[in-house]
Protein backbone atom coordinates (compact mmCIF):
# COMPACT_ATOMS: atom_id res chain seq x y z
CA UNK A 1 3.34 16.48 22.54
CA UNK A 2 5.30 14.26 24.75
CA UNK A 3 4.33 10.42 24.85
CA UNK A 4 6.10 8.44 27.52
CA UNK A 5 6.20 5.06 25.64
CA UNK A 6 8.00 6.85 22.69
CA UNK A 7 10.62 8.38 25.04
CA UNK A 8 11.23 4.88 26.45
CA UNK A 9 12.18 3.50 22.94
CA UNK A 10 14.31 6.37 21.96
CA UNK A 11 11.82 8.69 20.02
CA UNK A 12 11.60 12.15 21.45
CA UNK A 13 8.31 12.86 19.66
CA UNK A 14 5.71 11.27 17.55
CA UNK A 15 6.85 13.56 14.68
CA UNK A 16 10.27 11.98 14.65
CA UNK A 17 8.87 8.50 13.98
CA UNK A 18 7.13 9.51 10.77
CA UNK A 19 10.12 11.35 9.44
CA UNK A 20 12.50 8.45 10.00
CA UNK A 21 14.23 7.60 6.69
CA UNK A 22 13.23 3.87 7.12
CA UNK A 23 9.51 4.72 7.60
CA UNK A 24 9.43 6.96 4.66
CA UNK A 25 11.11 4.31 2.43
CA UNK A 26 8.46 1.78 3.56
CA UNK A 27 5.66 4.27 2.92
CA UNK A 28 6.92 5.27 -0.50
CA UNK A 29 7.28 1.67 -1.72
CA UNK A 30 3.63 1.18 -0.62
CA UNK A 31 2.12 4.47 -1.79
CA UNK A 32 4.32 5.98 -4.70
CA UNK A 33 5.85 2.81 -6.09
CA UNK A 34 2.55 1.33 -7.58
CA UNK A 35 2.55 4.58 -9.88
CA UNK A 36 6.12 4.41 -10.86
CA UNK A 37 6.85 0.80 -11.29
CA UNK A 38 4.50 0.18 -14.07
CA UNK A 39 5.96 3.06 -15.98
CA UNK A 40 9.54 1.73 -15.73
CA UNK A 41 8.33 -1.79 -16.28
CA UNK A 42 6.56 -0.63 -19.68
CA UNK A 43 9.90 0.75 -20.69
CA UNK A 44 11.84 -2.38 -19.94
CA UNK A 45 9.15 -4.50 -21.86
CA UNK A 46 10.30 -2.71 -25.09
CA UNK A 47 13.59 -4.43 -24.87
CA UNK A 48 13.26 -8.05 -26.37
CA UNK A 49 15.55 -9.69 -23.85
CA UNK A 50 13.83 -8.07 -20.81
CA UNK A 51 10.38 -8.71 -22.01
CA UNK A 52 10.82 -12.48 -21.64
CA UNK A 53 12.48 -12.13 -18.20
CA UNK A 54 10.33 -9.77 -16.17
CA UNK A 55 11.80 -10.61 -12.97
CA UNK A 56 15.37 -9.91 -14.09
CA UNK A 57 14.24 -6.62 -15.68
CA UNK A 58 12.70 -5.74 -12.37
CA UNK A 59 15.73 -6.71 -10.39
CA UNK A 60 17.93 -4.84 -12.65
CA UNK A 61 15.74 -1.68 -12.44
CA UNK A 62 15.92 -1.90 -8.62
CA UNK A 63 19.63 -2.15 -8.55
CA UNK A 64 19.82 0.94 -10.99
CA UNK A 65 17.51 2.90 -8.92
CA UNK A 66 19.53 2.02 -5.71
CA UNK A 67 22.44 3.15 -7.40
CA UNK A 68 21.03 6.45 -8.36
CA UNK A 69 20.00 6.92 -4.58
CA UNK A 70 23.51 6.37 -3.66
CA UNK A 71 25.42 8.42 -6.28
CA UNK A 72 23.32 11.47 -6.64
CA UNK A 73 23.51 14.05 -4.03
CA UNK A 74 19.72 14.83 -2.73
CA UNK A 75 17.87 15.50 0.49
CA UNK A 76 17.47 12.66 2.88
CA UNK A 77 13.61 12.65 2.45
CA UNK A 78 13.97 12.31 -1.31
CA UNK A 79 16.60 9.69 -1.01
CA UNK A 80 14.29 7.71 1.33
CA UNK A 81 11.56 7.86 -1.32
CA UNK A 82 13.87 6.67 -4.09
CA UNK A 83 15.26 3.80 -1.81
CA UNK A 84 11.60 2.73 -1.24
CA UNK A 85 10.81 2.57 -4.88
CA UNK A 86 14.03 0.57 -5.38
CA UNK A 87 12.90 -1.88 -2.78
CA UNK A 88 9.54 -2.31 -4.58
CA UNK A 89 11.30 -3.38 -7.64
CA UNK A 90 13.62 -5.72 -5.78
CA UNK A 91 10.37 -7.14 -4.10
CA UNK A 92 8.69 -7.61 -7.49
CA UNK A 93 11.83 -9.35 -8.76
CA UNK A 94 11.89 -11.74 -5.70
CA UNK A 95 8.24 -12.78 -5.61
CA UNK A 96 8.46 -15.35 -8.31
CA UNK A 97 11.51 -16.87 -6.76
CA UNK A 98 9.62 -17.03 -3.37
CA UNK A 99 6.53 -18.53 -5.18
CA UNK A 100 8.60 -21.29 -6.77
CA UNK A 101 10.64 -22.03 -3.36
CA UNK A 102 7.44 -22.14 -1.17
CA UNK A 103 5.00 -23.86 -3.50
CA UNK A 104 2.62 -21.08 -3.63
CA UNK A 105 0.82 -20.86 -6.92
CA UNK A 106 0.10 -17.12 -8.10
């Protein structure tokens, strides 16, 4: 199916927009990460130093997952999903900092 407006912005078909790695990463951070993040957070809560510093634990998990995405050879689709999950961890780590800077009370 050819859509003229998509051709003008560089997408040859609507399907290519949905299989773009950036779109897959954002979708995985919204749809898959809510099931995976609590499990990994539960594991990090078992370590005493990480239990008291949840945002540091979340940021550390995000960096580790980003590292896995870059070091392990995997298909682009799976790599995009892993990067989306890592982004969710990083976002979880940055929310307390954002709240303290902006004055927003959770």
